[in-house]
Amino acid sequence: MDKKEKKRFDVLHQKIAKLQQQLAGAKQQPDDPADVPRFERELAAAHAELAHLKKT
C-alpha cells in the first residue's frame, strides 16, 4: 500500500465513523425522513470503497 492509498484508507475510516454517528442521531431524532436512507447509502458506498482498497 503506497502513501496515497494509506491516506485514502485513513480518510475512509474517519468518514465511516462520522457517518455512523450521524446515522445513529438521525434514527434517534428523525427530523428529516430522507436523512436515514441517505446516510445508509453513503455508509454502504464508503464500506465498498474500503473493501476495494483492501483487495488491492
N, C-alpha and C. Protein backbone atom coordinates (compact mmCIF):
# COMPACT_ATOMS: atom_id res chain seq x y z
N MET A 1 0.85 -1.17 0.00
CA MET A 1 0.00 0.00 0.00
C MET A 1 0.90 1.24 0.00
N ASP A 2 0.72 2.08 -0.99
CA ASP A 2 1.55 3.28 -1.05
C ASP A 2 0.96 4.39 -0.17
N LYS A 3 1.64 5.50 -0.15
CA LYS A 3 1.27 6.60 0.74
C LYS A 3 -0.13 7.15 0.43
N LYS A 4 -0.45 7.26 -0.85
CA LYS A 4 -1.75 7.80 -1.26
C LYS A 4 -2.89 6.86 -0.85
N GLU A 5 -2.70 5.55 -1.02
CA GLU A 5 -3.71 4.59 -0.62
C GLU A 5 -3.89 4.57 0.89
N LYS A 6 -2.80 4.69 1.61
CA LYS A 6 -2.86 4.72 3.09
C LYS A 6 -3.66 5.92 3.56
N LYS A 7 -3.43 7.07 2.94
CA LYS A 7 -4.15 8.29 3.30
C LYS A 7 -5.65 8.13 3.00
N ARG A 8 -5.98 7.55 1.85
CA ARG A 8 -7.37 7.34 1.49
C ARG A 8 -8.05 6.37 2.46
N PHE A 9 -7.30 5.34 2.87
CA PHE A 9 -7.77 4.36 3.83
C PHE A 9 -8.13 5.05 5.15
N ASP A 10 -7.24 5.92 5.63
CA ASP A 10 -7.47 6.65 6.87
C ASP A 10 -8.67 7.60 6.76
N VAL A 11 -8.77 8.28 5.62
CA VAL A 11 -9.89 9.20 5.41
C VAL A 11 -11.21 8.45 5.39
N LEU A 12 -11.22 7.28 4.76
CA LEU A 12 -12.45 6.48 4.71
C LEU A 12 -12.85 6.00 6.10
N HIS A 13 -11.89 5.63 6.92
CA HIS A 13 -12.21 5.21 8.29
C HIS A 13 -12.84 6.36 9.07
N GLN A 14 -12.30 7.56 8.90
CA GLN A 14 -12.86 8.73 9.58
C GLN A 14 -14.27 9.03 9.07
N LYS A 15 -14.46 8.91 7.75
CA LYS A 15 -15.77 9.18 7.15
C LYS A 15 -16.80 8.17 7.65
N ILE A 16 -16.40 6.91 7.74
CA ILE A 16 -17.31 5.87 8.21
C ILE A 16 -17.72 6.12 9.66
N ALA A 17 -16.76 6.50 10.50
CA ALA A 17 -17.07 6.79 11.90
C ALA A 17 -18.06 7.95 12.01
N LYS A 18 -17.82 8.99 11.22
CA LYS A 18 -18.70 10.16 11.25
C LYS A 18 -20.10 9.81 10.75
N LEU A 19 -20.17 9.04 9.67
CA LEU A 19 -21.47 8.65 9.12
C LEU A 19 -22.25 7.76 10.08
N GLN A 20 -21.55 6.88 10.80
CA GLN A 20 -22.23 6.03 11.77
C GLN A 20 -22.84 6.85 12.89
N GLN A 21 -22.12 7.89 13.33
CA GLN A 21 -22.66 8.77 14.37
C GLN A 21 -23.87 9.55 13.86
N GLN A 22 -23.76 10.05 12.62
CA GLN A 22 -24.86 10.81 12.04
C GLN A 22 -26.09 9.92 11.84
N LEU A 23 -25.86 8.68 11.41
CA LEU A 23 -26.96 7.75 11.20
C LEU A 23 -27.65 7.43 12.52
N ALA A 24 -26.88 7.21 13.56
CA ALA A 24 -27.46 6.92 14.87
C ALA A 24 -28.29 8.12 15.35
N GLY A 25 -27.78 9.32 15.17
CA GLY A 25 -28.51 10.52 15.56
C GLY A 25 -29.78 10.70 14.76
N ALA A 26 -29.72 10.42 13.46
CA ALA A 26 -30.90 10.56 12.61
C ALA A 26 -31.97 9.55 12.98
N LYS A 27 -31.54 8.36 13.42
CA LYS A 27 -32.52 7.35 13.83
C LYS A 27 -33.18 7.72 15.15
N GLN A 28 -32.42 8.35 16.05
CA GLN A 28 -32.98 8.75 17.34
C GLN A 28 -33.92 9.94 17.21
N GLN A 29 -33.57 10.86 16.34
CA GLN A 29 -34.37 12.08 16.18
C GLN A 29 -34.64 12.31 14.69
N PRO A 30 -35.67 11.69 14.17
CA PRO A 30 -35.94 11.76 12.73
C PRO A 30 -36.57 13.09 12.31
N ASP A 31 -35.74 14.13 12.19
CA ASP A 31 -36.24 15.43 11.74
C ASP A 31 -36.62 15.39 10.27
N ASP A 32 -35.75 14.78 9.47
CA ASP A 32 -35.98 14.67 8.03
C ASP A 32 -35.98 13.18 7.67
N PRO A 33 -37.09 12.66 7.19
CA PRO A 33 -37.15 11.23 6.90
C PRO A 33 -36.18 10.77 5.81
N ALA A 34 -35.67 11.68 5.01
CA ALA A 34 -34.74 11.31 3.93
C ALA A 34 -33.31 11.14 4.44
N ASP A 35 -33.04 11.57 5.66
CA ASP A 35 -31.67 11.50 6.18
C ASP A 35 -31.19 10.07 6.39
N VAL A 36 -32.02 9.22 6.98
CA VAL A 36 -31.59 7.86 7.31
C VAL A 36 -31.20 7.08 6.05
N PRO A 37 -32.03 7.05 5.00
CA PRO A 37 -31.61 6.31 3.80
C PRO A 37 -30.36 6.91 3.14
N ARG A 38 -30.23 8.23 3.19
CA ARG A 38 -29.06 8.88 2.59
C ARG A 38 -27.79 8.48 3.33
N PHE A 39 -27.84 8.51 4.66
CA PHE A 39 -26.67 8.12 5.44
C PHE A 39 -26.34 6.64 5.22
N GLU A 40 -27.37 5.81 5.10
CA GLU A 40 -27.13 4.38 4.86
C GLU A 40 -26.47 4.16 3.50
N ARG A 41 -26.90 4.90 2.47
CA ARG A 41 -26.29 4.79 1.14
C ARG A 41 -24.83 5.24 1.16
N GLU A 42 -24.58 6.38 1.81
CA GLU A 42 -23.20 6.89 1.89
C GLU A 42 -22.31 5.94 2.66
N LEU A 43 -22.84 5.36 3.72
CA LEU A 43 -22.09 4.40 4.53
C LEU A 43 -21.77 3.14 3.72
N ALA A 44 -22.73 2.66 2.97
CA ALA A 44 -22.50 1.48 2.12
C ALA A 44 -21.46 1.77 1.05
N ALA A 45 -21.51 2.96 0.47
CA ALA A 45 -20.52 3.33 -0.55
C ALA A 45 -19.12 3.41 0.05
N ALA A 46 -19.01 3.98 1.23
CA ALA A 46 -17.71 4.09 1.90
C ALA A 46 -17.16 2.71 2.25
N HIS A 47 -18.02 1.82 2.71
CA HIS A 47 -17.59 0.45 3.03
C HIS A 47 -17.15 -0.28 1.76
N ALA A 48 -17.85 -0.07 0.65
CA ALA A 48 -17.49 -0.71 -0.61
C ALA A 48 -16.13 -0.22 -1.09
N GLU A 49 -15.89 1.08 -0.99
CA GLU A 49 -14.59 1.63 -1.41
C GLU A 49 -13.48 1.12 -0.51
N LEU A 50 -13.74 1.01 0.77
CA LEU A 50 -12.76 0.49 1.71
C LEU A 50 -12.44 -0.97 1.39
N ALA A 51 -13.44 -1.75 1.07
CA ALA A 51 -13.23 -3.15 0.70
C ALA A 51 -12.41 -3.25 -0.58
N HIS A 52 -12.67 -2.36 -1.51
CA HIS A 52 -11.90 -2.35 -2.76
C HIS A 52 -10.43 -2.01 -2.50
N LEU A 53 -10.19 -1.07 -1.60
CA LEU A 53 -8.81 -0.70 -1.26
C LEU A 53 -8.09 -1.86 -0.57
N LYS A 54 -8.81 -2.59 0.27
CA LYS A 54 -8.19 -3.71 0.98
C LYS A 54 -7.81 -4.83 0.02
N LYS A 55 -8.60 -4.99 -1.06
CA LYS A 55 -8.32 -6.04 -2.04
C LYS A 55 -7.04 -5.77 -2.82
N THR A 56 -6.79 -4.51 -3.12
CA THR A 56 -5.62 -4.17 -3.96
C THR A 56 -4.37 -4.06 -3.18
